[in-house]
PDB file of N, CA and C in Angstrom:
ATOM      1  N   UNK A   1     123.913  35.708 188.879  1.00  0.00           N
ATOM      2  CA  UNK A   1     122.929  37.213 188.734  1.00  0.00           C
ATOM      3  C   UNK A   1     123.290  37.574 187.668  1.00  0.00           C
ATOM      4  N   UNK A   2     122.364  38.013 187.389  1.00  0.00           N
ATOM      5  CA  UNK A   2     122.189  38.456 186.261  1.00  0.00           C
ATOM      6  C   UNK A   2     122.714  40.157 186.088  1.00  0.00           C
ATOM      7  N   UNK A   3     123.663  40.947 185.140  1.00  0.00           N
ATOM      8  CA  UNK A   3     123.852  41.608 185.066  1.00  0.00           C
ATOM      9  C   UNK A   3     123.826  41.513 183.472  1.00  0.00           C
ATOM     10  N   UNK A   4     122.377  42.868 182.910  1.00  0.00           N
ATOM     11  CA  UNK A   4     122.509  43.227 181.929  1.00  0.00           C
ATOM     12  C   UNK A   4     123.576  44.791 181.731  1.00  0.00           C
ATOM     13  N   UNK A   5     124.252  44.059 180.084  1.00  0.00           N
ATOM     14  CA  UNK A   5     125.646  45.161 179.899  1.00  0.00           C
ATOM     15  C   UNK A   5     125.043  46.169 178.730  1.00  0.00           C
ATOM     16  N   UNK A   6     124.391  47.515 178.975  1.00  0.00           N
ATOM     17  CA  UNK A   6     123.262  47.784 177.636  1.00  0.00           C
ATOM     18  C   UNK A   6     124.927  48.785 176.430  1.00  0.00           C
ATOM     19  N   UNK A   7     125.781  48.832 176.974  1.00  0.00           N
ATOM     20  CA  UNK A   7     126.952  49.130 176.282  1.00  0.00           C
ATOM     21  C   UNK A   7     127.270  48.332 174.871  1.00  0.00           C
ATOM     22  N   UNK A   8     127.119  46.784 175.430  1.00  0.00           N
ATOM     23  CA  UNK A   8     127.141  45.726 174.307  1.00  0.00           C
ATOM     24  C   UNK A   8     126.214  44.761 174.201  1.00  0.00           C
ATOM     25  N   UNK A   9     125.413  44.901 174.464  1.00  0.00           N
ATOM     26  CA  UNK A   9     124.163  44.339 174.578  1.00  0.00           C
ATOM     27  C   UNK A   9     124.663  42.660 175.046  1.00  0.00           C
ATOM     28  N   UNK A  10     125.128  42.432 175.944  1.00  0.00           N
ATOM     29  CA  UNK A  10     125.105  41.097 176.645  1.00  0.00           C
ATOM     30  C   UNK A  10     124.390  41.043 177.983  1.00  0.00           C
ATOM     31  N   UNK A  11     124.507  39.779 178.786  1.00  0.00           N
ATOM     32  CA  UNK A  11     123.967  39.821 179.472  1.00  0.00           C
ATOM     33  C   UNK A  11     125.124  38.334 180.305  1.00  0.00           C
ATOM     34  N   UNK A  12     125.353  39.052 181.829  1.00  0.00           N
ATOM     35  CA  UNK A  12     126.484  37.631 181.938  1.00  0.00           C
ATOM     36  C   UNK A  12     125.876  37.431 183.461  1.00  0.00           C
ATOM     37  N   UNK A  13     125.804  36.048 183.609  1.00  0.00           N
ATOM     38  CA  UNK A  13     125.399  35.245 184.756  1.00  0.00           C
ATOM     39  C   UNK A  13     126.069  34.025 185.282  1.00  0.00           C
ATOM     40  N   UNK A  14     125.979  33.508 186.036  1.00  0.00           N
ATOM     41  CA  UNK A  14     126.743  32.649 187.104  1.00  0.00           C
ATOM     42  C   UNK A  14     125.607  31.358 186.847  1.00  0.00           C
ATOM     43  N   UNK A  15     125.678  30.328 186.036  1.00  0.00           N
ATOM     44  CA  UNK A  15     125.684  29.086 186.302  1.00  0.00           C
ATOM     45  C   UNK A  15     125.744  27.831 186.763  1.00  0.00           C
ATOM     46  N   UNK A  16     125.282  26.793 187.440  1.00  0.00           N
ATOM     47  CA  UNK A  16     125.668  25.710 187.987  1.00  0.00           C
ATOM     48  C   UNK A  16     124.820  24.804 187.437  1.00  0.00           C
ATOM     49  N   UNK A  17     125.646  23.915 186.809  1.00  0.00           N
ATOM     50  CA  UNK A  17     125.514  22.566 185.576  1.00  0.00           C
ATOM     51  C   UNK A  17     125.809  21.210 186.574  1.00  0.00           C
ATOM     52  N   UNK A  18     124.664  20.542 186.449  1.00  0.00           N
ATOM     53  CA  UNK A  18     124.656  19.169 187.211  1.00  0.00           C
ATOM     54  C   UNK A  18     124.851  18.382 186.399  1.00  0.00           C
ATOM     55  N   UNK A  19     125.988  17.280 185.988  1.00  0.00           N
ATOM     56  CA  UNK A  19     126.475  16.261 184.940  1.00  0.00           C
ATOM     57  C   UNK A  19     126.020  14.956 185.521  1.00  0.00           C
ATOM     58  N   UNK A  20     125.593  14.102 184.305  1.00  0.00           N
ATOM     59  CA  UNK A  20     125.786  12.769 185.347  1.00  0.00           C
ATOM     60  C   UNK A  20     126.474  12.348 185.392  1.00  0.00           C
ATOM     61  N   UNK A  21     128.358  12.544 185.162  1.00  0.00           N
ATOM     62  CA  UNK A  21     129.325  11.691 185.295  1.00  0.00           C
ATOM     63  C   UNK A  21     129.625  12.176 186.826  1.00  0.00           C
ATOM     64  N   UNK A  22     129.585  13.483 186.892  1.00  0.00           N
ATOM     65  CA  UNK A  22     130.003  14.762 188.322  1.00  0.00           C
ATOM     66  C   UNK A  22     128.903  14.175 189.472  1.00  0.00           C
ATOM     67  N   UNK A  23     129.336  14.374 190.582  1.00  0.00           N
ATOM     68  CA  UNK A  23     128.818  14.244 191.759  1.00  0.00           C
ATOM     69  C   UNK A  23     128.133  15.598 192.626  1.00  0.00           C
ATOM     70  N   UNK A  24     128.707  16.801 192.342  1.00  0.00           N
ATOM     71  CA  UNK A  24     128.334  18.358 192.240  1.00  0.00           C
ATOM     72  C   UNK A  24     127.930  18.667 191.160  1.00  0.00           C
ATOM     73  N   UNK A  25     127.655  20.532 191.074  1.00  0.00           N
ATOM     74  CA  UNK A  25     127.355  21.248 190.108  1.00  0.00           C
ATOM     75  C   UNK A  25     128.783  21.781 190.041  1.00  0.00           C
ATOM     76  N   UNK A  26     128.852  21.802 188.533  1.00  0.00           N
ATOM     77  CA  UNK A  26     129.729  22.501 188.203  1.00  0.00           C
ATOM     78  C   UNK A  26     129.687  24.456 187.736  1.00  0.00           C
ATOM     79  N   UNK A  27     130.600  25.230 188.433  1.00  0.00           N
ATOM     80  CA  UNK A  27     129.812  26.750 188.222  1.00  0.00           C
ATOM     81  C   UNK A  27     130.599  27.159 186.554  1.00  0.00           C
ATOM     82  N   UNK A  28     129.706  28.089 186.071  1.00  0.00           N
ATOM     83  CA  UNK A  28     130.315  28.517 184.266  1.00  0.00           C
ATOM     84  C   UNK A  28     130.118  30.002 184.315  1.00  0.00           C
ATOM     85  N   UNK A  29     130.543  31.045 184.067  1.00  0.00           N
ATOM     86  CA  UNK A  29     130.426  32.056 183.806  1.00  0.00           C
ATOM     87  C   UNK A  29     129.719  32.422 182.813  1.00  0.00           C
ATOM     88  N   UNK A  30     128.526  32.693 182.338  1.00  0.00           N
ATOM     89  CA  UNK A  30     128.267  32.485 180.885  1.00  0.00           C
ATOM     90  C   UNK A  30     127.681  33.656 180.368  1.00  0.00           C
ATOM     91  N   UNK A  31     128.005  34.449 179.454  1.00  0.00           N
ATOM     92  CA  UNK A  31     127.801  35.473 178.620  1.00  0.00           C
ATOM     93  C   UNK A  31     126.431  35.331 177.629  1.00  0.00           C
ATOM     94  N   UNK A  32     126.177  36.081 177.080  1.00  0.00           N
ATOM     95  CA  UNK A  32     124.765  35.750 176.181  1.00  0.00           C
ATOM     96  C   UNK A  32     124.884  37.237 175.723  1.00  0.00           C
ATOM     97  N   UNK A  33     125.245  37.127 174.221  1.00  0.00           N
ATOM     98  CA  UNK A  33     125.215  38.390 173.521  1.00  0.00           C
ATOM     99  C   UNK A  33     123.894  38.534 172.701  1.00  0.00           C
ATOM    100  N   UNK A  34     123.297  39.674 173.062  1.00  0.00           N
ATOM    101  CA  UNK A  34     122.223  40.010 171.774  1.00  0.00           C
ATOM    102  C   UNK A  34     121.855  40.553 171.001  1.00  0.00           C
ATOM    103  N   UNK A  35     123.149  40.687 170.461  1.00  0.00           N
ATOM    104  CA  UNK A  35     122.990  41.361 168.940  1.00  0.00           C
ATOM    105  C   UNK A  35     122.391  40.994 167.853  1.00  0.00           C
ATOM    106  N   UNK A  36     121.434  41.645 167.082  1.00  0.00           N
ATOM    107  CA  UNK A  36     120.803  41.200 165.942  1.00  0.00           C
ATOM    108  C   UNK A  36     119.464  40.019 166.711  1.00  0.00           C
ATOM    109  N   UNK A  37     118.990  40.207 168.337  1.00  0.00           N
ATOM    110  CA  UNK A  37     117.795  39.351 168.404  1.00  0.00           C
ATOM    111  C   UNK A  37     116.279  40.304 168.134  1.00  0.00           C
ATOM    112  N   UNK A  38     115.240  39.553 167.436  1.00  0.00           N
ATOM    113  CA  UNK A  38     114.650  40.825 167.880  1.00  0.00           C
ATOM    114  C   UNK A  38     113.684  40.274 168.270  1.00  0.00           C
ATOM    115  N   UNK A  39     112.602  40.861 168.888  1.00  0.00           N
ATOM    116  CA  UNK A  39     111.291  40.538 169.798  1.00  0.00           C
ATOM    117  C   UNK A  39     110.589  38.586 169.155  1.00  0.00           C
ATOM    118  N   UNK A  40     111.120  38.875 167.892  1.00  0.00           N
ATOM    119  CA  UNK A  40     110.456  37.401 167.732  1.00  0.00           C
ATOM    120  C   UNK A  40     111.455  36.088 167.750  1.00  0.00           C
ATOM    121  N   UNK A  41     112.775  36.765 167.677  1.00  0.00           N
ATOM    122  CA  UNK A  41     113.384  35.722 168.530  1.00  0.00           C
ATOM    123  C   UNK A  41     113.138  35.136 169.190  1.00  0.00           C
ATOM    124  N   UNK A  42     112.963  36.648 170.727  1.00  0.00           N
ATOM    125  CA  UNK A  42     112.868  36.273 172.185  1.00  0.00           C
ATOM    126  C   UNK A  42     111.753  35.251 172.377  1.00  0.00           C
ATOM    127  N   UNK A  43     110.783  35.506 171.642  1.00  0.00           N
ATOM    128  CA  UNK A  43     109.665  34.260 171.530  1.00  0.00           C
ATOM    129  C   UNK A  43     109.529  33.222 171.295  1.00  0.00           C
ATOM    130  N   UNK A  44     110.484  33.417 170.202  1.00  0.00           N
ATOM    131  CA  UNK A  44     110.653  31.179 170.035  1.00  0.00           C
ATOM    132  C   UNK A  44     111.662  30.947 170.999  1.00  0.00           C
ATOM    133  N   UNK A  45     112.840  31.611 171.509  1.00  0.00           N
ATOM    134  CA  UNK A  45     113.771  31.308 172.914  1.00  0.00           C
ATOM    135  C   UNK A  45     112.729  31.239 174.092  1.00  0.00           C
ATOM    136  N   UNK A  46     111.603  31.953 174.321  1.00  0.00           N
ATOM    137  CA  UNK A  46     110.942  31.488 175.514  1.00  0.00           C
ATOM    138  C   UNK A  46     110.216  30.529 175.056  1.00  0.00           C
ATOM    139  N   UNK A  47     109.342  30.284 173.950  1.00  0.00           N
ATOM    140  CA  UNK A  47     108.903  28.951 173.793  1.00  0.00           C
ATOM    141  C   UNK A  47     109.634  27.436 173.595  1.00  0.00           C
ATOM    142  N   UNK A  48     110.721  27.814 173.277  1.00  0.00           N
ATOM    143  CA  UNK A  48     111.859  26.459 173.435  1.00  0.00           C
ATOM    144  C   UNK A  48     111.627  25.993 175.028  1.00  0.00           C
ATOM    145  N   UNK A  49     111.915  27.271 175.572  1.00  0.00           N
ATOM    146  CA  UNK A  49     112.656  27.091 177.231  1.00  0.00           C
ATOM    147  C   UNK A  49     111.078  26.584 177.793  1.00  0.00           C
ATOM    148  N   UNK A  50     109.933  27.333 177.378  1.00  0.00           N
ATOM    149  CA  UNK A  50     108.834  26.417 178.533  1.00  0.00           C
ATOM    150  C   UNK A  50     108.539  25.246 177.989  1.00  0.00           C
ATOM    151  N   UNK A  51     108.973  24.769 176.346  1.00  0.00           N
ATOM    152  CA  UNK A  51     108.266  22.891 176.258  1.00  0.00           C
ATOM    153  C   UNK A  51     109.076  22.831 176.736  1.00  0.00           C
ATOM    154  N   UNK A  52     110.175  22.778 176.749  1.00  0.00           N
ATOM    155  CA  UNK A  52     110.878  22.054 177.433  1.00  0.00           C
ATOM    156  C   UNK A  52     111.219  21.781 179.111  1.00  0.00           C
ATOM    157  N   UNK A  53     110.631  22.958 179.709  1.00  0.00           N
ATOM    158  CA  UNK A  53     110.447  22.742 180.790  1.00  0.00           C
ATOM    159  C   UNK A  53     109.350  21.963 181.205  1.00  0.00           C
ATOM    160  N   UNK A  54     108.490  22.079 180.888  1.00  0.00           N
ATOM    161  CA  UNK A  54     107.458  21.384 180.483  1.00  0.00           C
ATOM    162  C   UNK A  54     107.627  19.830 180.516  1.00  0.00           C
ATOM    163  N   UNK A  55     108.301  19.208 179.464  1.00  0.00           N
ATOM    164  CA  UNK A  55     108.555  18.594 179.157  1.00  0.00           C
ATOM    165  C   UNK A  55     109.233  17.737 179.926  1.00  0.00           C
ATOM    166  N   UNK A  56     110.763  18.047 180.211  1.00  0.00           N
ATOM    167  CA  UNK A  56     111.308  18.180 181.282  1.00  0.00           C
ATOM    168  C   UNK A  56     110.805  17.088 182.605  1.00  0.00           C
ATOM    169  N   UNK A  57     109.631  18.000 183.007  1.00  0.00           N
ATOM    170  CA  UNK A  57     108.670  17.567 184.711  1.00  0.00           C
ATOM    171  C   UNK A  57     108.175  16.691 183.973  1.00  0.00           C
ATOM    172  N   UNK A  58     107.362  17.284 183.254  1.00  0.00           N
ATOM    173  CA  UNK A  58     106.287  15.792 182.824  1.00  0.00           C
ATOM    174  C   UNK A  58     106.840  14.230 182.713  1.00  0.00           C
ATOM    175  N   UNK A  59     108.523  14.340 181.880  1.00  0.00           N
ATOM    176  CA  UNK A  59     109.007  13.236 182.668  1.00  0.00           C
ATOM    177  C   UNK A  59     108.767  12.285 183.092  1.00  0.00           C
ATOM    178  N   UNK A  60     108.836  12.991 184.930  1.00  0.00           N
ATOM    179  CA  UNK A  60     109.175  12.708 186.140  1.00  0.00           C
ATOM    180  C   UNK A  60     107.930  12.066 186.405  1.00  0.00           C
ATOM    181  N   UNK A  61     106.713  12.720 186.017  1.00  0.00           N
ATOM    182  CA  UNK A  61     105.542  12.711 186.636  1.00  0.00           C
ATOM    183  C   UNK A  61     105.082  10.990 186.213  1.00  0.00           C
ATOM    184  N   UNK A  62     104.604  10.659 187.738  1.00  0.00           N
ATOM    185  CA  UNK A  62     103.863   9.177 187.477  1.00  0.00           C
ATOM    186  C   UNK A  62     102.628   8.901 186.673  1.00  0.00           C
ATOM    187  N   UNK A  63     102.315  10.042 186.384  1.00  0.00           N
ATOM    188  CA  UNK A  63     100.179  10.400 186.701  1.00  0.00           C
ATOM    189  C   UNK A  63     100.411  10.588 185.406  1.00  0.00           C
ATOM    190  N   UNK A  64      99.031  10.114 184.394  1.00  0.00           N
ATOM    191  CA  UNK A  64      98.977  10.010 182.882  1.00  0.00           C
ATOM    192  C   UNK A  64      99.132  11.917 182.857  1.00  0.00           C
ATOM    193  N   UNK A  65      98.989  12.819 181.231  1.00  0.00           N
ATOM    194  CA  UNK A  65      99.989  14.031 181.516  1.00  0.00           C
ATOM    195  C   UNK A  65      97.952  14.470 180.860  1.00  0.00           C
ATOM    196  N   UNK A  66      97.668  15.798 181.112  1.00  0.00           N
ATOM    197  CA  UNK A  66      96.731  16.178 180.575  1.00  0.00           C
ATOM    198  C   UNK A  66      96.832  16.212 178.925  1.00  0.00           C
ATOM    199  N   UNK A  67      95.490  16.014 178.576  1.00  0.00           N
ATOM    200  CA  UNK A  67      95.645  16.345 176.928  1.00  0.00           C
ATOM    201  C   UNK A  67      95.967  17.579 176.346  1.00  0.00           C
ATOM    202  N   UNK A  68      95.624  18.145 177.516  1.00  0.00           N
ATOM    203  CA  UNK A  68      95.584  19.659 176.442  1.00  0.00           C
ATOM    204  C   UNK A  68      96.007  20.739 178.256  1.00  0.00           C
ATOM    205  N   UNK A  69      96.727  21.893 177.648  1.00  0.00           N
ATOM    206  CA  UNK A  69      97.645  22.808 179.308  1.00  0.00           C
ATOM    207  C   UNK A  69      98.033  23.724 177.905  1.00  0.00           C
ATOM    208  N   UNK A  70      97.812  25.028 179.082  1.00  0.00           N
ATOM    209  CA  UNK A  70      97.571  26.333 178.895  1.00  0.00           C
ATOM    210  C   UNK A  70      98.621  26.802 179.658  1.00  0.00           C
ATOM    211  N   UNK A  71      99.856  27.414 179.533  1.00  0.00           N
ATOM    212  CA  UNK A  71     100.717  27.951 180.434  1.00  0.00           C
ATOM    213  C   UNK A  71     100.974  29.009 180.028  1.00  0.00           C
ATOM    214  N   UNK A  72     100.773  29.816 181.086  1.00  0.00           N
ATOM    215  CA  UNK A  72     101.071  31.838 181.016  1.00  0.00           C
ATOM    216  C   UNK A  72     102.350  31.925 181.378  1.00  0.00           C
ATOM    217  N   UNK A  73     103.021  32.473 180.549  1.00  0.00           N
ATOM    218  CA  UNK A  73     103.877  32.687 179.751  1.00  0.00           C
ATOM    219  C   UNK A  73     105.001  33.467 181.053  1.00  0.00           C
ATOM    220  N   UNK A  74     104.350  34.781 181.318  1.00  0.00           N
ATOM    221  CA  UNK A  74     104.273  35.122 182.265  1.00  0.00           C
ATOM    222  C   UNK A  74     104.948  34.919 183.866  1.00  0.00           C
ATOM    223  N   UNK A  75     104.214  33.260 183.979  1.00  0.00           N
ATOM    224  CA  UNK A  75     104.057  33.014 184.878  1.00  0.00           C
ATOM    225  C   UNK A  75     105.299  32.122 184.923  1.00  0.00           C
ATOM    226  N   UNK A  76     105.870  32.006 184.238  1.00  0.00           N
ATOM    227  CA  UNK A  76     107.691  31.537 184.381  1.00  0.00           C
ATOM    228  C   UNK A  76     108.688  31.943 184.243  1.00  0.00           C
ATOM    229  N   UNK A  77     108.318  32.835 184.305  1.00  0.00           N
ATOM    230  CA  UNK A  77     109.403  34.275 184.587  1.00  0.00           C
ATOM    231  C   UNK A  77     109.796  34.238 186.249  1.00  0.00           C
ATOM    232  N   UNK A  78     110.748  34.515 186.579  1.00  0.00           N
ATOM    233  CA  UNK A  78     110.950  34.874 187.699  1.00  0.00           C
ATOM    234  C   UNK A  78     112.745  35.916 187.974  1.00  0.00           C
ATOM    235  N   UNK A  79     112.578  36.068 188.821  1.00  0.00           N
ATOM    236  CA  UNK A  79     114.058  36.333 189.009  1.00  0.00           C
ATOM    237  C   UNK A  79     114.786  35.638 190.290  1.00  0.00           C
ATOM    238  N   UNK A  80     115.794  35.122 190.208  1.00  0.00           N
ATOM    239  CA  UNK A  80     117.213  35.702 189.171  1.00  0.00           C
ATOM    240  C   UNK A  80     116.658  34.553 187.970  1.00  0.00           C
ATOM    241  N   UNK A  81     117.565  34.672 186.549  1.00  0.00           N
ATOM    242  CA  UNK A  81     116.615  34.280 185.573  1.00  0.00           C
ATOM    243  C   UNK A  81     117.579  32.972 185.189  1.00  0.00           C
ATOM    244  N   UNK A  82     118.033  32.469 186.461  1.00  0.00           N
ATOM    245  CA  UNK A  82     119.011  31.516 185.984  1.00  0.00           C
ATOM    246  C   UNK A  82     118.433  29.719 185.535  1.00  0.00           C
ATOM    247  N   UNK A  83     116.964  30.288 186.424  1.00  0.00           N
ATOM    248  CA  UNK A  83     116.403  29.230 185.629  1.00  0.00           C
ATOM    249  C   UNK A  83     114.639  29.153 185.463  1.00  0.00           C
ATOM    250  N   UNK A  84     113.797  28.354 184.553  1.00  0.00           N
ATOM    251  CA  UNK A  84     112.932  28.806 184.179  1.00  0.00           C
ATOM    252  C   UNK A  84     111.698  28.343 185.570  1.00  0.00           C
ATOM    253  N   UNK A  85     110.805  29.112 185.854  1.00  0.00           N
ATOM    254  CA  UNK A  85     109.789  28.191 186.720  1.00  0.00           C
ATOM    255  C   UNK A  85     109.224  26.742 186.315  1.00  0.00           C
ATOM    256  N   UNK A  86     109.398  25.710 187.679  1.00  0.00           N
ATOM    257  CA  UNK A  86     109.104  24.570 187.243  1.00  0.00           C
ATOM    258  C   UNK A  86     107.406  24.787 186.916  1.00  0.00           C
ATOM    259  N   UNK A  87     106.891  23.684 185.983  1.00  0.00           N
ATOM    260  CA  UNK A  87     105.249  23.448 185.471  1.00  0.00           C
ATOM    261  C   UNK A  87     105.340  22.040 185.688  1.00  0.00           C
ATOM    262  N   UNK A  88     104.870  21.205 186.545  1.00  0.00           N
ATOM    263  CA  UNK A  88     104.591  20.153 186.309  1.00  0.00           C
ATOM    264  C   UNK A  88     102.976  19.463 186.174  1.00  0.00           C
ATOM    265  N   UNK A  89     102.819  18.409 186.013  1.00  0.00           N
ATOM    266  CA  UNK A  89     101.479  18.286 185.634  1.00  0.00           C
ATOM    267  C   UNK A  89     100.611  18.802 186.403  1.00  0.00           C
ATOM    268  N   UNK A  90     100.965  17.885 187.948  1.00  0.00           N
ATOM    269  CA  UNK A  90     100.019  17.771 189.126  1.00  0.00           C
ATOM    270  C   UNK A  90      99.918  19.671 189.337  1.00  0.00           C
ATOM    271  N   UNK A  91     101.381  20.090 189.082  1.00  0.00           N
ATOM    272  CA  UNK A  91     100.674  21.869 189.594  1.00  0.00           C
ATOM    273  C   UNK A  91     100.277  22.253 188.595  1.00  0.00           C
ATOM    274  N   UNK A  92      99.891  22.041 187.288  1.00  0.00           N
ATOM    275  CA  UNK A  92      99.260  22.383 185.943  1.00  0.00           C
ATOM    276  C   UNK A  92      97.989  22.410 186.018  1.00  0.00           C
ATOM    277  N   UNK A  93      97.566  20.523 186.561  1.00  0.00           N
ATOM    278  CA  UNK A  93      95.868  20.335 187.075  1.00  0.00           C
ATOM    279  C   UNK A  93      95.464  21.343 188.130  1.00  0.00           C
ATOM    280  N   UNK A  94      96.453  21.515 189.313  1.00  0.00           N
ATOM    281  CA  UNK A  94      96.047  22.238 190.693  1.00  0.00           C
ATOM    282  C   UNK A  94      95.735  23.707 190.296  1.00  0.00           C
ATOM    283  N   UNK A  95      96.286  23.899 189.580  1.00  0.00           N
ATOM    284  CA  UNK A  95      95.960  25.434 188.790  1.00  0.00           C
ATOM    285  C   UNK A  95      94.729  25.678 188.279  1.00  0.00           C
ATOM    286  N   UNK A  96      94.233  24.284 187.146  1.00  0.00           N
ATOM    287  CA  UNK A  96      93.046  24.699 186.125  1.00  0.00           C
ATOM    288  C   UNK A  96      91.847  24.560 187.458  1.00  0.00           C
ATOM    289  N   UNK A  97      92.333  23.699 188.519  1.00  0.00           N
ATOM    290  CA  UNK A  97      91.089  23.725 189.399  1.00  0.00           C
ATOM    291  C   UNK A  97      91.341  24.901 189.895  1.00  0.00           C
ATOM    292  N   UNK A  98      92.054  25.498 190.228  1.00  0.00           N
ATOM    293  CA  UNK A  98      92.458  26.505 191.057  1.00  0.00           C
ATOM    294  C   UNK A  98      91.193  27.922 190.163  1.00  0.00           C
ATOM    295  N   UNK A  99      91.507  28.016 188.777  1.00  0.00           N
ATOM    296  CA  UNK A  99      90.981  29.032 188.189  1.00  0.00           C
ATOM    297  C   UNK A  99      89.237  28.690 188.426  1.00  0.00           C
ATOM    298  N   UNK A 100      89.146  27.462 188.141  1.00  0.00           N
ATOM    299  CA  UNK A 100      87.422  26.906 188.092  1.00  0.00           C
ATOM    300  C   UNK A 100      86.687  27.146 189.304  1.00  0.00           C
ATOM    301  N   UNK A 101      87.517  27.054 190.139  1.00  0.00           N
ATOM    302  CA  UNK A 101      87.031  27.859 191.456  1.00  0.00           C
ATOM    303  C   UNK A 101      86.525  28.714 192.188  1.00  0.00           C
ATOM    304  N   UNK A 102      88.075  29.840 191.587  1.00  0.00           N
ATOM    305  CA  UNK A 102      87.864  30.950 191.522  1.00  0.00           C
ATOM    306  C   UNK A 102      86.834  31.268 190.813  1.00  0.00           C
ATOM    307  N   UNK A 103      86.364  30.961 189.312  1.00  0.00           N
ATOM    308  CA  UNK A 103      85.170  31.551 188.370  1.00  0.00           C
ATOM    309  C   UNK A 103      84.161  31.454 189.169  1.00  0.00           C
ATOM    310  N   UNK A 104      84.309  30.292 189.604  1.00  0.00           N
ATOM    311  CA  UNK A 104      82.378  29.954 190.307  1.00  0.00           C
ATOM    312  C   UNK A 104      82.107  30.626 191.401  1.00  0.00           C
ATOM    313  N   UNK A 105      83.428  30.821 192.520  1.00  0.00           N
ATOM    314  CA  UNK A 105      83.232  31.775 193.413  1.00  0.00           C
ATOM    315  C   UNK A 105      82.964  33.529 192.635  1.00  0.00           C
ATOM    316  N   UNK A 106      83.032  34.088 192.127  1.00  0.00           N
ATOM    317  CA  UNK A 106      82.939  35.067 191.420  1.00  0.00           C
ATOM    318  C   UNK A 106      81.512  35.460 190.541  1.00  0.00           C
ATOM    319  N   UNK A 107      81.183  33.751 190.653  1.00  0.00           N
ATOM    320  CA  UNK A 107      79.570  33.827 189.876  1.00  0.00           C
ATOM    321  C   UNK A 107      78.731  34.019 191.337  1.00  0.00           C
ATOM    322  N   UNK A 108      79.292  33.899 192.370  1.00  0.00           N
ATOM    323  CA  UNK A 108      77.835  33.472 193.835  1.00  0.00           C
ATOM    324  C   UNK A 108      77.807  34.931 194.122  1.00  0.00           C
ATOM    325  N   UNK A 109      76.632  35.113 194.689  1.00  0.00           N
ATOM    326  CA  UNK A 109      76.386  36.193 195.410  1.00  0.00           C
ATOM    327  C   UNK A 109      76.626  36.146 196.653  1.00  0.00           C
ATOM    328  N   UNK A 110      76.797  37.221 197.205  1.00  0.00           N
ATOM    329  CA  UNK A 110      77.284  37.164 198.788  1.00  0.00           C
ATOM    330  C   UNK A 110      76.496  36.346 199.673  1.00  0.00           C
ATOM    331  N   UNK A 111      75.235  36.549 199.002  1.00  0.00           N
ATOM    332  CA  UNK A 111      74.301  35.543 199.901  1.00  0.00           C
ATOM    333  C   UNK A 111      74.474  34.041 200.168  1.00  0.00           C
ATOM    334  N   UNK A 112      74.847  33.433 198.857  1.00  0.00           N
ATOM    335  CA  UNK A 112      75.856  32.397 198.597  1.00  0.00           C
ATOM    336  C   UNK A 112      77.541  32.338 198.768  1.00  0.00           C
ATOM    337  N   UNK A 113      77.770  33.306 198.774  1.00  0.00           N
ATOM    338  CA  UNK A 113      78.679  32.787 199.496  1.00  0.00           C
ATOM    339  C   UNK A 113      79.025  33.005 200.966  1.00  0.00           C
ATOM    340  N   UNK A 114      77.857  33.613 201.932  1.00  0.00           N
ATOM    341  CA  UNK A 114      77.913  33.148 203.481  1.00  0.00           C
ATOM    342  C   UNK A 114      77.367  31.997 203.584  1.00  0.00           C
ATOM    343  N   UNK A 115      76.300  31.903 202.725  1.00  0.00           N
ATOM    344  CA  UNK A 115      76.286  30.415 203.101  1.00  0.00           C
ATOM    345  C   UNK A 115      77.443  29.137 202.975  1.00  0.00           C
ATOM    346  N   UNK A 116      77.419  29.214 201.922  1.00  0.00           N
ATOM    347  CA  UNK A 116      79.041  28.463 201.629  1.00  0.00           C
ATOM    348  C   UNK A 116      79.761  28.432 202.702  1.00  0.00           C
ATOM    349  N   UNK A 117      80.520  29.586 202.908  1.00  0.00           N
ATOM    350  CA  UNK A 117      81.185  29.531 203.898  1.00  0.00           C
ATOM    351  C   UNK A 117      80.740  29.030 205.684  1.00  0.00           C
ATOM    352  N   UNK A 118      79.001  29.272 205.720  1.00  0.00           N
ATOM    353  CA  UNK A 118      78.937  28.721 207.045  1.00  0.00           C
ATOM    354  C   UNK A 118      78.916  27.047 206.701  1.00  0.00           C
ATOM    355  N   UNK A 119      78.531  26.414 205.998  1.00  0.00           N
ATOM    356  CA  UNK A 119      78.736  24.992 205.612  1.00  0.00           C
ATOM    357  C   UNK A 119      79.903  24.372 205.510  1.00  0.00           C
ATOM    358  N   UNK A 120      80.881  25.155 204.834  1.00  0.00           N
ATOM    359  CA  UNK A 120      81.981  25.094 205.204  1.00  0.00           C
ATOM    360  C   UNK A 120      82.951  25.080 206.659  1.00  0.00           C
ATOM    361  N   UNK A 121      82.535  26.369 207.551  1.00  0.00           N
ATOM    362  CA  UNK A 121      83.117  26.395 208.588  1.00  0.00           C
ATOM    363  C   UNK A 121      82.389  25.269 209.794  1.00  0.00           C
ATOM    364  N   UNK A 122      81.172  24.726 209.474  1.00  0.00           N
ATOM    365  CA  UNK A 122      80.304  23.813 210.012  1.00  0.00           C
ATOM    366  C   UNK A 122      81.485  22.270 209.959  1.00  0.00           C
ATOM    367  N   UNK A 123      81.745  21.879 208.838  1.00  0.00           N
ATOM    368  CA  UNK A 123      82.868  20.968 208.086  1.00  0.00           C
ATOM    369  C   UNK A 123      83.783  20.937 209.238  1.00  0.00           C
ATOM    370  N   UNK A 124      84.194  22.005 209.646  1.00  0.00           N
ATOM    371  CA  UNK A 124      85.902  22.100 210.053  1.00  0.00           C
ATOM    372  C   UNK A 124      85.682  22.353 211.378  1.00  0.00           C
ATOM    373  N   UNK A 125      84.538  22.425 212.142  1.00  0.00           N
ATOM    374  CA  UNK A 125      85.132  22.528 213.415  1.00  0.00           C
ATOM    375  C   UNK A 125      84.623  21.375 214.431  1.00  0.00           C
TER     376      UNK A 125
END
């Protein structure tokens, strides 16, 4: 659980760390001191975290990696902030597909949408 202490500009969180040499997670109370950190520093830290997250998940992928990827930084943020939202290559491919479908659907007229729905409904019954 995050606890931002405005009096001394620190964040205190409990983290669980799994090490290769151990069989279970080890608990640590972590305090982050934010003194002297600028908004640009925070952007750099977020950049490092998002890249690391992407690379660690890509490392596990059995499929070829895309040559170009866009990650929405706001999608990486979630509460509690003990870890980043995972981004796998497969998940990002699905997000790209979903965005293309959304774009196509927005360009259709109501009549075209109705015809599309009718065709889909015939195929599912």
